[in-house]
């Protein structure tokens, strides 16, 4: 029986590393994508002892990168797609200077990318987006455009999930907060109730749960993993 495949798009040194590690530990064959080839190579070198991992360097807004991904999965398909794309910039209603950039980074690019890869998704399969506590649970006057873009993402996750029900492609999102810059050598998982910065392992565990078969009954959902920060 062949291993399940997982693709992480927007694999940062923190989120990308710990999510890839958890996926490998759960038996997935993992491919990571980001623009920085050197950082991807570093993650691969650190994790290749844990399982099969490779990378595709490039910006998914470029058709050449999409082609590389399509060529890579042409024969196998994608069982789990983790959409780590996104960005943050502060602004307010008084000066919404980043509204176009936030919707481009957090809504338009991620969903356009998914649309271009839909025919590669296995039946069944899972897609996991990353959202924020500021999408619905907390309010910041200086996160005007960012909050709006993540709120839009949440609703579009539900809409996409409904559209893809018959294709057995599950679409979910994880709401979280800022992640700690955790050393890759650190193996302990830390739970700090109410703290804003969260251990990336806690987020990765939720993402991998949604990516796998144990969450088969969950689609169109937005799950909060913020160690209680939004309850303060």
C-alpha atoms as a PDB file:
ATOM      1  CA  UNK A   1       0.000   0.000   0.000  1.00  0.00           C
ATOM      2  CA  UNK A   2       1.525   3.316  -1.060  1.00  0.00           C
ATOM      3  CA  UNK A   3       1.947   6.141   1.403  1.00  0.00           C
ATOM      4  CA  UNK A   4      -0.377   9.127   1.339  1.00  0.00           C
ATOM      5  CA  UNK A   5       1.016  12.273  -0.261  1.00  0.00           C
ATOM      6  CA  UNK A   6       1.004  15.710   1.339  1.00  0.00           C
ATOM      7  CA  UNK A   7       1.920  19.067  -0.168  1.00  0.00           C
ATOM      8  CA  UNK A   8       2.623  22.113   2.013  1.00  0.00           C
ATOM      9  CA  UNK A   9       2.423  25.355   0.044  1.00  0.00           C
ATOM     10  CA  UNK A  10       4.005  28.278   1.842  1.00  0.00           C
ATOM     11  CA  UNK A  11       6.247  26.132   4.038  1.00  0.00           C
ATOM     12  CA  UNK A  12       7.936  28.574   6.396  1.00  0.00           C
ATOM     13  CA  UNK A  13      10.816  27.633   8.685  1.00  0.00           C
ATOM     14  CA  UNK A  14       8.425  27.443  11.644  1.00  0.00           C
ATOM     15  CA  UNK A  15       4.993  26.315  10.440  1.00  0.00           C
ATOM     16  CA  UNK A  16       6.392  24.422   7.459  1.00  0.00           C
ATOM     17  CA  UNK A  17       9.045  22.569   9.425  1.00  0.00           C
ATOM     18  CA  UNK A  18       6.862  21.353  12.283  1.00  0.00           C
ATOM     19  CA  UNK A  19       3.930  20.471  10.040  1.00  0.00           C
ATOM     20  CA  UNK A  20       6.197  18.532   7.678  1.00  0.00           C
ATOM     21  CA  UNK A  21       7.737  16.724  10.648  1.00  0.00           C
ATOM     22  CA  UNK A  22       4.337  15.684  11.989  1.00  0.00           C
ATOM     23  CA  UNK A  23       3.145  14.583   8.548  1.00  0.00           C
ATOM     24  CA  UNK A  24       6.248  12.431   8.106  1.00  0.00           C
ATOM     25  CA  UNK A  25       5.756  10.898  11.540  1.00  0.00           C
ATOM     26  CA  UNK A  26       2.228   9.993  10.472  1.00  0.00           C
ATOM     27  CA  UNK A  27       3.415   8.183   7.360  1.00  0.00           C
ATOM     28  CA  UNK A  28       2.897  10.809   4.649  1.00  0.00           C
ATOM     29  CA  UNK A  29       5.239  11.416   1.733  1.00  0.00           C
ATOM     30  CA  UNK A  30       5.778  15.158   1.993  1.00  0.00           C
ATOM     31  CA  UNK A  31       6.607  17.858  -0.544  1.00  0.00           C
ATOM     32  CA  UNK A  32       7.224  21.390   0.695  1.00  0.00           C
ATOM     33  CA  UNK A  33       6.965  24.564  -1.353  1.00  0.00           C
ATOM     34  CA  UNK A  34       8.115  28.135  -0.785  1.00  0.00           C
ATOM     35  CA  UNK A  35      10.051  30.750  -2.709  1.00  0.00           C
ATOM     36  CA  UNK A  36      13.355  30.315  -0.857  1.00  0.00           C
ATOM     37  CA  UNK A  37      15.214  27.243  -2.145  1.00  0.00           C
ATOM     38  CA  UNK A  38      17.909  27.408   0.536  1.00  0.00           C
ATOM     39  CA  UNK A  39      15.379  27.306   3.382  1.00  0.00           C
ATOM     40  CA  UNK A  40      13.510  24.431   1.757  1.00  0.00           C
ATOM     41  CA  UNK A  41      16.741  22.501   1.324  1.00  0.00           C
ATOM     42  CA  UNK A  42      17.563  23.061   4.996  1.00  0.00           C
ATOM     43  CA  UNK A  43      14.183  21.708   6.101  1.00  0.00           C
ATOM     44  CA  UNK A  44      14.577  18.688   3.814  1.00  0.00           C
ATOM     45  CA  UNK A  45      18.050  17.913   5.140  1.00  0.00           C
ATOM     46  CA  UNK A  46      16.859  18.115   8.740  1.00  0.00           C
ATOM     47  CA  UNK A  47      13.813  15.897   8.209  1.00  0.00           C
ATOM     48  CA  UNK A  48      14.793  13.317   5.592  1.00  0.00           C
ATOM     49  CA  UNK A  49      15.758  10.807   8.294  1.00  0.00           C
ATOM     50  CA  UNK A  50      12.094  10.758   9.376  1.00  0.00           C
ATOM     51  CA  UNK A  51      10.634   9.835   5.994  1.00  0.00           C
ATOM     52  CA  UNK A  52      10.311  10.726   2.337  1.00  0.00           C
ATOM     53  CA  UNK A  53      10.459  14.496   1.815  1.00  0.00           C
ATOM     54  CA  UNK A  54      11.321  16.700  -1.142  1.00  0.00           C
ATOM     55  CA  UNK A  55      10.699  20.268  -2.203  1.00  0.00           C
ATOM     56  CA  UNK A  56       9.599  22.457  -5.090  1.00  0.00           C
ATOM     57  CA  UNK A  57      10.999  25.974  -4.906  1.00  0.00           C
ATOM     58  CA  UNK A  58       9.036  28.790  -6.506  1.00  0.00           C
ATOM     59  CA  UNK A  59       6.236  31.309  -6.166  1.00  0.00           C
ATOM     60  CA  UNK A  60       2.839  29.705  -6.826  1.00  0.00           C
ATOM     61  CA  UNK A  61       1.656  32.937  -8.426  1.00  0.00           C
ATOM     62  CA  UNK A  62       3.954  31.952 -11.319  1.00  0.00           C
ATOM     63  CA  UNK A  63       2.612  29.437 -13.826  1.00  0.00           C
ATOM     64  CA  UNK A  64       6.035  27.787 -13.992  1.00  0.00           C
ATOM     65  CA  UNK A  65       5.757  26.794 -10.319  1.00  0.00           C
ATOM     66  CA  UNK A  66       2.233  25.461 -10.790  1.00  0.00           C
ATOM     67  CA  UNK A  67       3.515  23.417 -13.729  1.00  0.00           C
ATOM     68  CA  UNK A  68       6.319  21.983 -11.577  1.00  0.00           C
ATOM     69  CA  UNK A  69       3.777  20.940  -8.949  1.00  0.00           C
ATOM     70  CA  UNK A  70       1.479  19.428 -11.564  1.00  0.00           C
ATOM     71  CA  UNK A  71       4.346  17.496 -13.140  1.00  0.00           C
ATOM     72  CA  UNK A  72       5.420  16.241  -9.708  1.00  0.00           C
ATOM     73  CA  UNK A  73       1.959  14.868  -8.842  1.00  0.00           C
ATOM     74  CA  UNK A  74       0.836  13.826 -12.303  1.00  0.00           C
ATOM     75  CA  UNK A  75       0.965  10.116 -11.478  1.00  0.00           C
ATOM     76  CA  UNK A  76       0.222  10.023  -7.757  1.00  0.00           C
ATOM     77  CA  UNK A  77      -2.268  12.789  -6.962  1.00  0.00           C
ATOM     78  CA  UNK A  78      -2.438  14.794  -3.735  1.00  0.00           C
ATOM     79  CA  UNK A  79      -4.039  13.292  -0.632  1.00  0.00           C
ATOM     80  CA  UNK A  80      -3.506  16.307   1.631  1.00  0.00           C
ATOM     81  CA  UNK A  81      -2.900  19.916   0.618  1.00  0.00           C
ATOM     82  CA  UNK A  82      -1.808  22.300   3.374  1.00  0.00           C
ATOM     83  CA  UNK A  83      -2.210  25.930   2.351  1.00  0.00           C
ATOM     84  CA  UNK A  84       0.254  27.884   4.480  1.00  0.00           C
ATOM     85  CA  UNK A  85       0.187  30.907   2.188  1.00  0.00           C
ATOM     86  CA  UNK A  86      -0.596  34.254   3.759  1.00  0.00           C
ATOM     87  CA  UNK A  87       0.765  37.505   5.050  1.00  0.00           C
ATOM     88  CA  UNK A  88       0.245  40.197   7.655  1.00  0.00           C
ATOM     89  CA  UNK A  89       0.363  43.971   7.497  1.00  0.00           C
ATOM     90  CA  UNK A  90      -1.281  46.421   9.873  1.00  0.00           C
ATOM     91  CA  UNK A  91      -3.662  49.206   8.877  1.00  0.00           C
ATOM     92  CA  UNK A  92      -6.991  50.699   9.962  1.00  0.00           C
ATOM     93  CA  UNK A  93     -10.191  52.113   8.518  1.00  0.00           C
ATOM     94  CA  UNK A  94      -8.596  55.568   8.707  1.00  0.00           C
ATOM     95  CA  UNK A  95      -5.847  54.489   6.329  1.00  0.00           C
ATOM     96  CA  UNK A  96      -6.539  51.063   4.771  1.00  0.00           C
ATOM     97  CA  UNK A  97      -3.303  51.048   2.806  1.00  0.00           C
ATOM     98  CA  UNK A  98      -2.880  47.268   2.828  1.00  0.00           C
ATOM     99  CA  UNK A  99      -6.371  46.161   1.873  1.00  0.00           C
ATOM    100  CA  UNK A 100      -5.412  45.010  -1.630  1.00  0.00           C
ATOM    101  CA  UNK A 101      -2.242  43.258  -0.453  1.00  0.00           C
ATOM    102  CA  UNK A 102      -4.017  41.412   2.382  1.00  0.00           C
ATOM    103  CA  UNK A 103      -6.800  40.108   0.168  1.00  0.00           C
ATOM    104  CA  UNK A 104      -4.274  39.125  -2.494  1.00  0.00           C
ATOM    105  CA  UNK A 105      -2.042  37.252  -0.012  1.00  0.00           C
ATOM    106  CA  UNK A 106      -4.718  35.690   2.190  1.00  0.00           C
ATOM    107  CA  UNK A 107      -7.634  35.080  -0.178  1.00  0.00           C
ATOM    108  CA  UNK A 108      -6.958  35.462  -3.885  1.00  0.00           C
ATOM    109  CA  UNK A 109      -3.635  33.632  -4.167  1.00  0.00           C
ATOM    110  CA  UNK A 110      -4.512  30.678  -1.886  1.00  0.00           C
ATOM    111  CA  UNK A 111      -7.873  29.984  -3.522  1.00  0.00           C
ATOM    112  CA  UNK A 112      -6.591  30.541  -7.050  1.00  0.00           C
ATOM    113  CA  UNK A 113      -3.808  28.070  -6.282  1.00  0.00           C
ATOM    114  CA  UNK A 114      -6.271  25.484  -5.010  1.00  0.00           C
ATOM    115  CA  UNK A 115      -8.405  25.967  -8.114  1.00  0.00           C
ATOM    116  CA  UNK A 116      -5.422  25.230 -10.352  1.00  0.00           C
ATOM    117  CA  UNK A 117      -4.630  22.016  -8.457  1.00  0.00           C
ATOM    118  CA  UNK A 118      -8.146  20.651  -7.930  1.00  0.00           C
ATOM    119  CA  UNK A 119      -7.895  18.017 -10.632  1.00  0.00           C
ATOM    120  CA  UNK A 120      -4.819  16.590  -8.870  1.00  0.00           C
ATOM    121  CA  UNK A 121      -6.659  16.039  -5.584  1.00  0.00           C
ATOM    122  CA  UNK A 122      -7.283  12.400  -4.733  1.00  0.00           C
ATOM    123  CA  UNK A 123     -10.695  10.929  -3.966  1.00  0.00           C
ATOM    124  CA  UNK A 124     -10.982  11.263  -0.995  1.00  0.00           C
ATOM    125  CA  UNK A 125      -8.586  14.040   0.012  1.00  0.00           C
ATOM    126  CA  UNK A 126      -8.220  16.999   2.348  1.00  0.00           C
ATOM    127  CA  UNK A 127      -7.293  20.681   2.082  1.00  0.00           C
ATOM    128  CA  UNK A 128      -6.360  22.724   5.158  1.00  0.00           C
ATOM    129  CA  UNK A 129      -6.151  26.529   5.159  1.00  0.00           C
ATOM    130  CA  UNK A 130      -4.654  28.708   7.881  1.00  0.00           C
ATOM    131  CA  UNK A 131      -6.783  31.420   9.463  1.00  0.00           C
ATOM    132  CA  UNK A 132      -6.429  33.778  12.429  1.00  0.00           C
ATOM    133  CA  UNK A 133      -8.112  34.610  15.719  1.00  0.00           C
ATOM    134  CA  UNK A 134      -8.594  38.086  14.248  1.00  0.00           C
ATOM    135  CA  UNK A 135     -10.915  36.675  11.584  1.00  0.00           C
ATOM    136  CA  UNK A 136     -13.799  36.278  14.021  1.00  0.00           C
ATOM    137  CA  UNK A 137     -12.783  35.820  17.658  1.00  0.00           C
ATOM    138  CA  UNK A 138     -10.837  38.979  18.463  1.00  0.00           C
ATOM    139  CA  UNK A 139     -10.889  42.591  17.267  1.00  0.00           C
ATOM    140  CA  UNK A 140      -7.881  44.805  16.583  1.00  0.00           C
ATOM    141  CA  UNK A 141      -8.338  48.270  15.150  1.00  0.00           C
ATOM    142  CA  UNK A 142      -4.898  47.983  13.537  1.00  0.00           C
ATOM    143  CA  UNK A 143      -5.634  44.695  11.749  1.00  0.00           C
ATOM    144  CA  UNK A 144      -8.441  46.071   9.597  1.00  0.00           C
ATOM    145  CA  UNK A 145      -7.534  44.558   6.220  1.00  0.00           C
ATOM    146  CA  UNK A 146      -5.876  41.463   7.673  1.00  0.00           C
ATOM    147  CA  UNK A 147      -8.962  40.623   9.756  1.00  0.00           C
ATOM    148  CA  UNK A 148     -11.258  41.157   6.796  1.00  0.00           C
ATOM    149  CA  UNK A 149      -9.202  38.916   4.541  1.00  0.00           C
ATOM    150  CA  UNK A 150      -9.126  36.071   7.064  1.00  0.00           C
ATOM    151  CA  UNK A 151     -12.867  36.411   7.695  1.00  0.00           C
ATOM    152  CA  UNK A 152     -13.400  36.090   3.948  1.00  0.00           C
ATOM    153  CA  UNK A 153     -11.186  33.004   3.914  1.00  0.00           C
ATOM    154  CA  UNK A 154     -13.335  31.356   6.596  1.00  0.00           C
ATOM    155  CA  UNK A 155     -16.535  31.805   4.597  1.00  0.00           C
ATOM    156  CA  UNK A 156     -14.908  30.719   1.353  1.00  0.00           C
ATOM    157  CA  UNK A 157     -13.691  27.538   3.053  1.00  0.00           C
ATOM    158  CA  UNK A 158     -17.326  26.648   3.771  1.00  0.00           C
ATOM    159  CA  UNK A 159     -18.428  27.527   0.236  1.00  0.00           C
ATOM    160  CA  UNK A 160     -15.613  25.511  -1.342  1.00  0.00           C
ATOM    161  CA  UNK A 161     -16.351  22.559   0.929  1.00  0.00           C
ATOM    162  CA  UNK A 162     -19.987  22.514  -0.185  1.00  0.00           C
ATOM    163  CA  UNK A 163     -18.986  22.711  -3.851  1.00  0.00           C
ATOM    164  CA  UNK A 164     -16.600  19.776  -3.492  1.00  0.00           C
ATOM    165  CA  UNK A 165     -18.727  17.439  -1.373  1.00  0.00           C
ATOM    166  CA  UNK A 166     -19.448  15.070  -4.255  1.00  0.00           C
ATOM    167  CA  UNK A 167     -15.746  14.994  -5.133  1.00  0.00           C
ATOM    168  CA  UNK A 168     -14.990  13.884  -1.562  1.00  0.00           C
ATOM    169  CA  UNK A 169     -12.498  16.715  -1.163  1.00  0.00           C
ATOM    170  CA  UNK A 170     -12.741  18.048   2.372  1.00  0.00           C
ATOM    171  CA  UNK A 171     -11.931  21.734   2.959  1.00  0.00           C
ATOM    172  CA  UNK A 172     -11.242  23.050   6.469  1.00  0.00           C
ATOM    173  CA  UNK A 173      -9.282  25.794   8.192  1.00  0.00           C
ATOM    174  CA  UNK A 174      -7.370  26.198  11.442  1.00  0.00           C
ATOM    175  CA  UNK A 175      -7.705  29.447  13.359  1.00  0.00           C
ATOM    176  CA  UNK A 176      -4.573  30.199  15.331  1.00  0.00           C
ATOM    177  CA  UNK A 177      -2.382  33.009  16.618  1.00  0.00           C
ATOM    178  CA  UNK A 178       1.301  33.854  16.218  1.00  0.00           C
ATOM    179  CA  UNK A 179       3.674  30.895  16.478  1.00  0.00           C
ATOM    180  CA  UNK A 180       6.778  30.707  18.619  1.00  0.00           C
ATOM    181  CA  UNK A 181      10.162  30.637  16.920  1.00  0.00           C
ATOM    182  CA  UNK A 182      10.815  27.181  18.316  1.00  0.00           C
ATOM    183  CA  UNK A 183      14.229  25.527  17.849  1.00  0.00           C
ATOM    184  CA  UNK A 184      13.964  22.567  15.494  1.00  0.00           C
ATOM    185  CA  UNK A 185      15.859  20.429  17.997  1.00  0.00           C
ATOM    186  CA  UNK A 186      13.191  20.994  20.678  1.00  0.00           C
ATOM    187  CA  UNK A 187      11.073  17.864  21.148  1.00  0.00           C
ATOM    188  CA  UNK A 188       8.869  18.905  24.082  1.00  0.00           C
ATOM    189  CA  UNK A 189       5.449  20.342  23.272  1.00  0.00           C
ATOM    190  CA  UNK A 190       4.493  23.333  25.414  1.00  0.00           C
ATOM    191  CA  UNK A 191       0.957  24.404  26.346  1.00  0.00           C
ATOM    192  CA  UNK A 192       0.832  27.924  27.772  1.00  0.00           C
ATOM    193  CA  UNK A 193      -2.838  28.750  28.439  1.00  0.00           C
ATOM    194  CA  UNK A 194      -3.849  32.214  27.292  1.00  0.00           C
ATOM    195  CA  UNK A 195      -0.454  33.134  25.874  1.00  0.00           C
ATOM    196  CA  UNK A 196      -0.456  34.789  22.450  1.00  0.00           C
ATOM    197  CA  UNK A 197       2.515  32.896  20.973  1.00  0.00           C
ATOM    198  CA  UNK A 198       1.713  29.231  20.496  1.00  0.00           C
ATOM    199  CA  UNK A 199       3.991  26.210  20.156  1.00  0.00           C
ATOM    200  CA  UNK A 200       3.966  25.341  16.411  1.00  0.00           C
ATOM    201  CA  UNK A 201       3.752  21.656  17.309  1.00  0.00           C
ATOM    202  CA  UNK A 202       0.257  22.271  18.717  1.00  0.00           C
ATOM    203  CA  UNK A 203      -0.838  23.839  15.440  1.00  0.00           C
ATOM    204  CA  UNK A 204       0.840  21.121  13.378  1.00  0.00           C
ATOM    205  CA  UNK A 205      -0.955  18.366  15.279  1.00  0.00           C
ATOM    206  CA  UNK A 206      -4.336  19.923  14.461  1.00  0.00           C
ATOM    207  CA  UNK A 207      -3.419  20.448  10.811  1.00  0.00           C
ATOM    208  CA  UNK A 208      -2.237  16.858  10.429  1.00  0.00           C
ATOM    209  CA  UNK A 209      -5.407  15.589  12.118  1.00  0.00           C
ATOM    210  CA  UNK A 210      -7.511  17.466   9.550  1.00  0.00           C
ATOM    211  CA  UNK A 211      -5.264  16.196   6.756  1.00  0.00           C
ATOM    212  CA  UNK A 212      -5.741  12.560   7.685  1.00  0.00           C
ATOM    213  CA  UNK A 213      -8.484   9.961   7.644  1.00  0.00           C
ATOM    214  CA  UNK A 214      -9.359  10.342  11.341  1.00  0.00           C
ATOM    215  CA  UNK A 215     -11.100  13.625  10.475  1.00  0.00           C
ATOM    216  CA  UNK A 216     -13.086  12.128   7.595  1.00  0.00           C
ATOM    217  CA  UNK A 217     -16.358  13.486   8.982  1.00  0.00           C
ATOM    218  CA  UNK A 218     -15.161  17.097   9.139  1.00  0.00           C
ATOM    219  CA  UNK A 219     -15.526  19.476   6.207  1.00  0.00           C
ATOM    220  CA  UNK A 220     -16.443  23.134   5.851  1.00  0.00           C
ATOM    221  CA  UNK A 221     -15.261  23.743   9.403  1.00  0.00           C
ATOM    222  CA  UNK A 222     -12.976  26.281  11.031  1.00  0.00           C
ATOM    223  CA  UNK A 223     -11.234  24.870  14.111  1.00  0.00           C
ATOM    224  CA  UNK A 224      -9.610  27.091  16.739  1.00  0.00           C
ATOM    225  CA  UNK A 225      -6.160  26.148  18.057  1.00  0.00           C
ATOM    226  CA  UNK A 226      -4.965  29.138  20.083  1.00  0.00           C
ATOM    227  CA  UNK A 227      -4.402  27.705  23.594  1.00  0.00           C
ATOM    228  CA  UNK A 228      -7.140  29.997  24.894  1.00  0.00           C
ATOM    229  CA  UNK A 229      -5.631  33.293  23.717  1.00  0.00           C
ATOM    230  CA  UNK A 230      -8.948  34.452  22.254  1.00  0.00           C
ATOM    231  CA  UNK A 231     -10.680  33.815  25.599  1.00  0.00           C
ATOM    232  CA  UNK A 232      -8.706  36.459  27.469  1.00  0.00           C
END
